[in-house]
Amino acid sequence: MEITVNVKDPTPEFESDLLALLDKHRAALRRDPGWNMDRARLFYGALAPRAQRIIREAAARPDGRVNADELRDSDGSSLRGHASAFARLVRRGATEGWWDSGMESPVIALGPGSGKVQGYQIRNEATLAAFRAALPANEK
């Protein structure tokens, strides 16, 4: 049996009772750590425009990967900090209750690790499909 529960604006008493019930049956619960269209839409909408561009550019490519040089402005501006913005938003989403705390960032920075970012890639095919579906039609 699979049950999905979404409750909008629960009363404090209802929320407390439901959380107590879930806690009582914690061993039988399965978390959903994957990206779907709704989560992708929330994530994309909460990003700064430059980080949104990374996702748009990556989602437009068959392999979900975009090279850093294609993202830099004509002045060669840095991409520093964008991967950490994705990770911060994943943590914030868990705190806000948008998704489980086990979510991984949908975007991976490509490169040597401590050096210059060589590009970005959407994590996997399922995540890529979720973000393609979530992007506003005028931004695809």
N, C-alpha and C. Protein backbone atom coordinates (compact mmCIF):
# COMPACT_ATOMS: atom_id res chain seq x y z
N MET A 1 0.85 -1.16 0.00
CA MET A 1 0.00 0.00 0.00
C MET A 1 0.90 1.23 0.00
N GLU A 2 0.52 2.23 -0.79
CA GLU A 2 1.26 3.49 -0.81
C GLU A 2 0.27 4.61 -0.56
N ILE A 3 0.60 5.47 0.40
CA ILE A 3 -0.26 6.59 0.75
C ILE A 3 0.58 7.86 0.69
N THR A 4 0.05 8.85 0.00
CA THR A 4 0.70 10.16 -0.04
C THR A 4 -0.25 11.15 0.62
N VAL A 5 0.27 11.93 1.54
CA VAL A 5 -0.57 12.87 2.27
C VAL A 5 -0.04 14.28 2.06
N ASN A 6 -0.91 15.15 1.61
CA ASN A 6 -0.60 16.58 1.51
C ASN A 6 -1.68 17.31 2.29
N VAL A 7 -1.28 18.09 3.26
CA VAL A 7 -2.24 18.81 4.08
C VAL A 7 -1.91 20.29 4.01
N LYS A 8 -2.88 21.08 3.56
CA LYS A 8 -2.67 22.52 3.48
C LYS A 8 -3.22 23.18 4.74
N ASP A 9 -2.40 23.98 5.36
CA ASP A 9 -2.80 24.74 6.54
C ASP A 9 -3.47 23.90 7.61
N PRO A 10 -2.78 22.88 8.12
CA PRO A 10 -3.40 22.06 9.18
C PRO A 10 -3.50 22.86 10.48
N THR A 11 -4.46 22.49 11.28
CA THR A 11 -4.54 23.11 12.60
C THR A 11 -3.37 22.57 13.41
N PRO A 12 -2.93 23.29 14.40
CA PRO A 12 -1.81 22.79 15.23
C PRO A 12 -2.10 21.43 15.84
N GLU A 13 -3.34 21.20 16.28
CA GLU A 13 -3.71 19.92 16.89
C GLU A 13 -3.63 18.79 15.86
N PHE A 14 -4.16 19.01 14.65
CA PHE A 14 -4.11 17.99 13.61
C PHE A 14 -2.66 17.68 13.24
N GLU A 15 -1.85 18.72 13.06
CA GLU A 15 -0.45 18.52 12.70
C GLU A 15 0.27 17.70 13.77
N SER A 16 0.04 18.03 15.02
CA SER A 16 0.68 17.31 16.12
C SER A 16 0.26 15.84 16.14
N ASP A 17 -1.04 15.59 15.96
CA ASP A 17 -1.54 14.20 15.96
C ASP A 17 -0.96 13.42 14.78
N LEU A 18 -0.94 14.02 13.60
CA LEU A 18 -0.42 13.32 12.42
C LEU A 18 1.07 13.02 12.57
N LEU A 19 1.83 13.98 13.05
CA LEU A 19 3.27 13.76 13.24
C LEU A 19 3.53 12.68 14.28
N ALA A 20 2.70 12.64 15.33
CA ALA A 20 2.85 11.59 16.35
C ALA A 20 2.55 10.22 15.74
N LEU A 21 1.52 10.13 14.90
CA LEU A 21 1.20 8.87 14.24
C LEU A 21 2.33 8.42 13.33
N LEU A 22 2.85 9.34 12.55
CA LEU A 22 3.96 9.01 11.64
C LEU A 22 5.19 8.58 12.43
N ASP A 23 5.46 9.25 13.52
CA ASP A 23 6.61 8.90 14.33
C ASP A 23 6.45 7.50 14.92
N LYS A 24 5.24 7.16 15.31
CA LYS A 24 4.96 5.84 15.88
C LYS A 24 5.24 4.73 14.86
N HIS A 25 5.03 5.01 13.58
CA HIS A 25 5.20 4.02 12.52
C HIS A 25 6.40 4.33 11.62
N ARG A 26 7.38 4.98 12.19
CA ARG A 26 8.56 5.42 11.44
C ARG A 26 9.23 4.29 10.65
N ALA A 27 9.29 3.09 11.21
CA ALA A 27 9.98 1.98 10.55
C ALA A 27 9.31 1.58 9.23
N ALA A 28 8.03 1.85 9.09
CA ALA A 28 7.29 1.46 7.88
C ALA A 28 7.29 2.56 6.82
N LEU A 29 7.83 3.72 7.16
CA LEU A 29 7.79 4.85 6.22
C LEU A 29 8.95 4.81 5.25
N ARG A 30 8.68 5.23 4.03
CA ARG A 30 9.71 5.34 3.01
C ARG A 30 9.78 6.79 2.58
N ARG A 31 10.94 7.35 2.66
CA ARG A 31 11.14 8.74 2.23
C ARG A 31 11.27 8.78 0.72
N ASP A 32 10.90 9.91 0.15
CA ASP A 32 11.01 10.09 -1.30
C ASP A 32 12.07 11.16 -1.56
N PRO A 33 13.32 10.73 -1.81
CA PRO A 33 14.40 11.71 -1.98
C PRO A 33 14.58 12.18 -3.42
N GLY A 34 13.64 11.86 -4.31
CA GLY A 34 13.82 12.21 -5.71
C GLY A 34 13.23 13.56 -6.10
N TRP A 35 13.68 14.04 -7.23
CA TRP A 35 13.18 15.30 -7.79
C TRP A 35 11.97 15.00 -8.68
N ASN A 36 10.90 15.75 -8.49
CA ASN A 36 9.75 15.65 -9.37
C ASN A 36 9.44 17.06 -9.88
N MET A 37 8.43 17.18 -10.73
CA MET A 37 8.15 18.47 -11.34
C MET A 37 7.82 19.55 -10.30
N ASP A 38 7.03 19.21 -9.29
CA ASP A 38 6.65 20.20 -8.28
C ASP A 38 7.87 20.69 -7.49
N ARG A 39 8.70 19.75 -7.08
CA ARG A 39 9.91 20.14 -6.34
C ARG A 39 10.85 20.95 -7.22
N ALA A 40 10.98 20.53 -8.47
CA ALA A 40 11.86 21.25 -9.41
C ALA A 40 11.34 22.68 -9.63
N ARG A 41 10.04 22.83 -9.73
CA ARG A 41 9.44 24.16 -9.92
C ARG A 41 9.73 25.06 -8.71
N LEU A 42 9.56 24.51 -7.51
CA LEU A 42 9.88 25.27 -6.29
C LEU A 42 11.35 25.67 -6.26
N PHE A 43 12.20 24.71 -6.54
CA PHE A 43 13.64 24.94 -6.51
C PHE A 43 14.03 26.02 -7.52
N TYR A 44 13.59 25.87 -8.75
CA TYR A 44 13.93 26.81 -9.81
C TYR A 44 13.43 28.21 -9.46
N GLY A 45 12.21 28.31 -8.97
CA GLY A 45 11.63 29.61 -8.64
C GLY A 45 12.33 30.33 -7.50
N ALA A 46 12.99 29.58 -6.63
CA ALA A 46 13.67 30.19 -5.49
C ALA A 46 15.12 30.59 -5.80
N LEU A 47 15.60 30.24 -6.98
CA LEU A 47 16.98 30.57 -7.36
C LEU A 47 17.12 32.00 -7.87
N ALA A 48 18.31 32.53 -7.73
CA ALA A 48 18.65 33.81 -8.34
C ALA A 48 18.70 33.64 -9.86
N PRO A 49 18.49 34.70 -10.62
CA PRO A 49 18.46 34.58 -12.09
C PRO A 49 19.67 33.90 -12.71
N ARG A 50 20.84 34.15 -12.21
CA ARG A 50 22.04 33.55 -12.79
C ARG A 50 22.08 32.03 -12.57
N ALA A 51 21.64 31.60 -11.40
CA ALA A 51 21.57 30.17 -11.12
C ALA A 51 20.45 29.53 -11.93
N GLN A 52 19.34 30.25 -12.13
CA GLN A 52 18.27 29.75 -12.99
C GLN A 52 18.81 29.52 -14.40
N ARG A 53 19.67 30.40 -14.86
CA ARG A 53 20.22 30.26 -16.20
C ARG A 53 21.01 28.95 -16.34
N ILE A 54 21.75 28.59 -15.31
CA ILE A 54 22.51 27.33 -15.36
C ILE A 54 21.56 26.17 -15.58
N ILE A 55 20.46 26.14 -14.85
CA ILE A 55 19.50 25.05 -15.00
C ILE A 55 18.84 25.10 -16.39
N ARG A 56 18.45 26.28 -16.84
CA ARG A 56 17.83 26.39 -18.17
C ARG A 56 18.77 25.89 -19.26
N GLU A 57 20.03 26.32 -19.19
CA GLU A 57 21.01 25.93 -20.21
C GLU A 57 21.29 24.43 -20.16
N ALA A 58 21.40 23.88 -18.97
CA ALA A 58 21.67 22.45 -18.84
C ALA A 58 20.47 21.63 -19.30
N ALA A 59 19.26 22.07 -18.94
CA ALA A 59 18.05 21.34 -19.32
C ALA A 59 17.81 21.37 -20.83
N ALA A 60 18.34 22.35 -21.50
CA ALA A 60 18.16 22.47 -22.95
C ALA A 60 19.07 21.53 -23.73
N ARG A 61 20.02 20.91 -23.06
CA ARG A 61 20.97 20.02 -23.74
C ARG A 61 20.60 18.56 -23.49
N PRO A 62 20.84 17.71 -24.48
CA PRO A 62 20.44 16.30 -24.36
C PRO A 62 21.02 15.60 -23.14
N ASP A 63 22.26 15.91 -22.78
CA ASP A 63 22.90 15.23 -21.66
C ASP A 63 22.79 15.99 -20.34
N GLY A 64 22.09 17.14 -20.35
CA GLY A 64 21.92 17.91 -19.13
C GLY A 64 23.17 18.60 -18.65
N ARG A 65 24.13 18.77 -19.53
CA ARG A 65 25.42 19.35 -19.16
C ARG A 65 25.69 20.63 -19.95
N VAL A 66 26.21 21.63 -19.24
CA VAL A 66 26.58 22.89 -19.89
C VAL A 66 27.99 23.26 -19.45
N ASN A 67 28.82 23.64 -20.41
CA ASN A 67 30.19 24.05 -20.11
C ASN A 67 30.21 25.45 -19.51
N ALA A 68 31.15 25.69 -18.64
CA ALA A 68 31.25 26.97 -17.96
C ALA A 68 31.44 28.12 -18.93
N ASP A 69 32.23 27.92 -19.97
CA ASP A 69 32.49 29.00 -20.92
C ASP A 69 31.22 29.49 -21.59
N GLU A 70 30.24 28.61 -21.74
CA GLU A 70 28.97 28.99 -22.35
C GLU A 70 28.11 29.81 -21.39
N LEU A 71 28.43 29.79 -20.11
CA LEU A 71 27.66 30.51 -19.09
C LEU A 71 28.28 31.86 -18.72
N ARG A 72 29.54 32.02 -19.00
CA ARG A 72 30.20 33.27 -18.61
C ARG A 72 29.71 34.41 -19.48
N ASP A 73 29.62 35.57 -18.88
CA ASP A 73 29.27 36.77 -19.64
C ASP A 73 30.44 37.15 -20.53
N SER A 74 30.23 38.08 -21.42
CA SER A 74 31.28 38.46 -22.37
C SER A 74 32.54 38.97 -21.66
N ASP A 75 32.38 39.42 -20.42
CA ASP A 75 33.55 39.90 -19.67
C ASP A 75 34.31 38.75 -18.99
N GLY A 76 33.84 37.49 -19.20
CA GLY A 76 34.52 36.34 -18.61
C GLY A 76 34.26 36.20 -17.12
N SER A 77 33.16 36.78 -16.65
CA SER A 77 32.88 36.81 -15.21
C SER A 77 32.88 35.42 -14.59
N SER A 78 33.16 35.39 -13.33
CA SER A 78 33.31 34.15 -12.56
C SER A 78 31.98 33.46 -12.34
N LEU A 79 32.02 32.16 -12.20
CA LEU A 79 30.86 31.37 -11.83
C LEU A 79 30.96 30.91 -10.38
N ARG A 80 31.93 31.42 -9.68
CA ARG A 80 32.17 31.02 -8.29
C ARG A 80 30.92 31.21 -7.43
N GLY A 81 30.65 30.20 -6.62
CA GLY A 81 29.56 30.29 -5.66
C GLY A 81 28.24 29.72 -6.13
N HIS A 82 28.10 29.42 -7.41
CA HIS A 82 26.82 28.92 -7.88
C HIS A 82 26.50 27.53 -7.36
N ALA A 83 27.47 26.64 -7.33
CA ALA A 83 27.22 25.29 -6.84
C ALA A 83 26.83 25.33 -5.36
N SER A 84 27.44 26.21 -4.60
CA SER A 84 27.07 26.31 -3.18
C SER A 84 25.67 26.90 -3.03
N ALA A 85 25.24 27.75 -3.97
CA ALA A 85 23.88 28.28 -3.92
C ALA A 85 22.86 27.15 -4.09
N PHE A 86 23.16 26.20 -4.97
CA PHE A 86 22.27 25.06 -5.16
C PHE A 86 22.18 24.24 -3.86
N ALA A 87 23.33 23.97 -3.26
CA ALA A 87 23.36 23.18 -2.03
C ALA A 87 22.63 23.90 -0.88
N ARG A 88 22.82 25.22 -0.78
CA ARG A 88 22.12 25.98 0.26
C ARG A 88 20.61 25.90 0.07
N LEU A 89 20.17 25.98 -1.17
CA LEU A 89 18.73 25.93 -1.43
C LEU A 89 18.16 24.55 -1.13
N VAL A 90 18.91 23.49 -1.38
CA VAL A 90 18.47 22.15 -1.01
C VAL A 90 18.27 22.08 0.50
N ARG A 91 19.23 22.60 1.26
CA ARG A 91 19.10 22.60 2.74
C ARG A 91 17.90 23.45 3.18
N ARG A 92 17.75 24.61 2.57
CA ARG A 92 16.62 25.50 2.91
C ARG A 92 15.29 24.80 2.62
N GLY A 93 15.20 24.12 1.47
CA GLY A 93 13.97 23.42 1.12
C GLY A 93 13.60 22.35 2.14
N ALA A 94 14.60 21.66 2.66
CA ALA A 94 14.34 20.66 3.69
C ALA A 94 13.83 21.33 4.97
N THR A 95 14.44 22.44 5.32
CA THR A 95 14.02 23.19 6.50
C THR A 95 12.59 23.71 6.34
N GLU A 96 12.26 24.17 5.14
CA GLU A 96 10.93 24.72 4.86
C GLU A 96 9.88 23.62 4.69
N GLY A 97 10.32 22.36 4.58
CA GLY A 97 9.38 21.26 4.40
C GLY A 97 8.99 21.03 2.94
N TRP A 98 9.77 21.57 2.01
CA TRP A 98 9.48 21.39 0.58
C TRP A 98 9.82 19.97 0.15
N TRP A 99 10.81 19.35 0.81
CA TRP A 99 11.24 17.99 0.50
C TRP A 99 11.98 17.43 1.71
N ASP A 100 12.31 16.15 1.64
CA ASP A 100 13.00 15.49 2.75
C ASP A 100 14.43 16.00 2.88
N SER A 101 14.98 15.81 4.05
CA SER A 101 16.36 16.26 4.30
C SER A 101 17.39 15.44 3.54
N GLY A 102 17.00 14.31 2.98
CA GLY A 102 17.94 13.48 2.24
C GLY A 102 18.12 13.87 0.78
N MET A 103 17.50 14.94 0.34
CA MET A 103 17.59 15.35 -1.07
C MET A 103 19.03 15.73 -1.42
N GLU A 104 19.43 15.35 -2.63
CA GLU A 104 20.73 15.76 -3.15
C GLU A 104 20.51 16.94 -4.09
N SER A 105 21.53 17.75 -4.23
CA SER A 105 21.43 18.86 -5.16
C SER A 105 21.14 18.33 -6.56
N PRO A 106 20.24 18.98 -7.29
CA PRO A 106 19.93 18.50 -8.64
C PRO A 106 21.03 18.83 -9.65
N VAL A 107 21.94 19.72 -9.25
CA VAL A 107 22.99 20.18 -10.16
C VAL A 107 24.35 19.86 -9.56
N ILE A 108 25.22 19.30 -10.40
CA ILE A 108 26.57 18.94 -9.99
C ILE A 108 27.54 19.88 -10.69
N ALA A 109 28.47 20.46 -9.93
CA ALA A 109 29.54 21.27 -10.53
C ALA A 109 30.60 20.31 -11.06
N LEU A 110 31.05 20.56 -12.26
CA LEU A 110 32.07 19.71 -12.89
C LEU A 110 33.41 20.42 -12.83
N GLY A 111 34.42 19.70 -12.48
CA GLY A 111 35.75 20.30 -12.41
C GLY A 111 36.64 19.56 -11.45
N PRO A 112 37.81 20.13 -11.23
CA PRO A 112 38.81 19.45 -10.42
C PRO A 112 38.52 19.46 -8.92
N GLY A 113 37.49 20.12 -8.48
CA GLY A 113 37.18 20.14 -7.06
C GLY A 113 37.54 21.44 -6.40
N SER A 114 38.81 21.79 -6.41
CA SER A 114 39.21 23.03 -5.76
C SER A 114 39.58 24.11 -6.78
N GLY A 115 39.52 23.77 -8.03
CA GLY A 115 39.88 24.74 -9.06
C GLY A 115 38.66 25.35 -9.72
N LYS A 116 38.89 25.91 -10.88
CA LYS A 116 37.87 26.58 -11.64
C LYS A 116 36.80 25.59 -12.12
N VAL A 117 35.54 25.96 -11.98
CA VAL A 117 34.43 25.11 -12.42
C VAL A 117 34.48 25.00 -13.94
N GLN A 118 34.37 23.76 -14.44
CA GLN A 118 34.40 23.53 -15.88
C GLN A 118 33.02 23.45 -16.49
N GLY A 119 32.01 23.31 -15.65
CA GLY A 119 30.64 23.25 -16.13
C GLY A 119 29.71 22.72 -15.06
N TYR A 120 28.46 22.52 -15.46
CA TYR A 120 27.45 22.01 -14.55
C TYR A 120 26.66 20.94 -15.26
N GLN A 121 26.14 19.99 -14.48
CA GLN A 121 25.33 18.93 -15.07
C GLN A 121 24.16 18.64 -14.14
N ILE A 122 22.99 18.46 -14.72
CA ILE A 122 21.85 18.02 -13.94
C ILE A 122 22.11 16.55 -13.59
N ARG A 123 21.89 16.21 -12.34
CA ARG A 123 22.36 14.97 -11.71
C ARG A 123 22.11 13.69 -12.51
N ASN A 124 20.91 13.44 -12.98
CA ASN A 124 20.60 12.19 -13.68
C ASN A 124 19.40 12.39 -14.59
N GLU A 125 19.03 11.36 -15.33
CA GLU A 125 17.94 11.47 -16.31
C GLU A 125 16.60 11.83 -15.66
N ALA A 126 16.29 11.22 -14.53
CA ALA A 126 15.01 11.50 -13.86
C ALA A 126 14.95 12.96 -13.40
N THR A 127 16.04 13.46 -12.86
CA THR A 127 16.10 14.85 -12.42
C THR A 127 16.02 15.78 -13.62
N LEU A 128 16.69 15.44 -14.69
CA LEU A 128 16.65 16.23 -15.91
C LEU A 128 15.22 16.31 -16.44
N ALA A 129 14.51 15.20 -16.47
CA ALA A 129 13.12 15.19 -16.93
C ALA A 129 12.23 16.06 -16.03
N ALA A 130 12.45 16.01 -14.72
CA ALA A 130 11.65 16.81 -13.79
C ALA A 130 11.87 18.30 -14.04
N PHE A 131 13.11 18.70 -14.25
CA PHE A 131 13.38 20.13 -14.48
C PHE A 131 12.89 20.58 -15.85
N ARG A 132 12.99 19.72 -16.85
CA ARG A 132 12.45 20.09 -18.17
C ARG A 132 10.94 20.32 -18.08
N ALA A 133 10.26 19.48 -17.33
CA ALA A 133 8.81 19.63 -17.17
C ALA A 133 8.45 20.85 -16.33
N ALA A 134 9.33 21.22 -15.41
CA ALA A 134 9.04 22.31 -14.48
C ALA A 134 9.32 23.70 -15.03
N LEU A 135 10.22 23.80 -15.99
CA LEU A 135 10.57 25.11 -16.52
C LEU A 135 9.37 25.79 -17.16
N PRO A 136 9.19 27.07 -16.88
CA PRO A 136 8.11 27.79 -17.55
C PRO A 136 8.28 27.72 -19.06
N ALA A 137 7.17 27.61 -19.79
CA ALA A 137 7.20 27.44 -21.25
C ALA A 137 8.01 28.53 -21.94
N ASN A 138 7.95 29.74 -21.44
CA ASN A 138 8.69 30.83 -22.09
C ASN A 138 10.18 30.82 -21.77
N GLU A 139 10.62 29.89 -20.91
CA GLU A 139 12.03 29.84 -20.55
C GLU A 139 12.71 28.57 -21.06
N LYS A 140 12.01 27.73 -21.80
CA LYS A 140 12.59 26.48 -22.29
C LYS A 140 13.39 26.72 -23.53
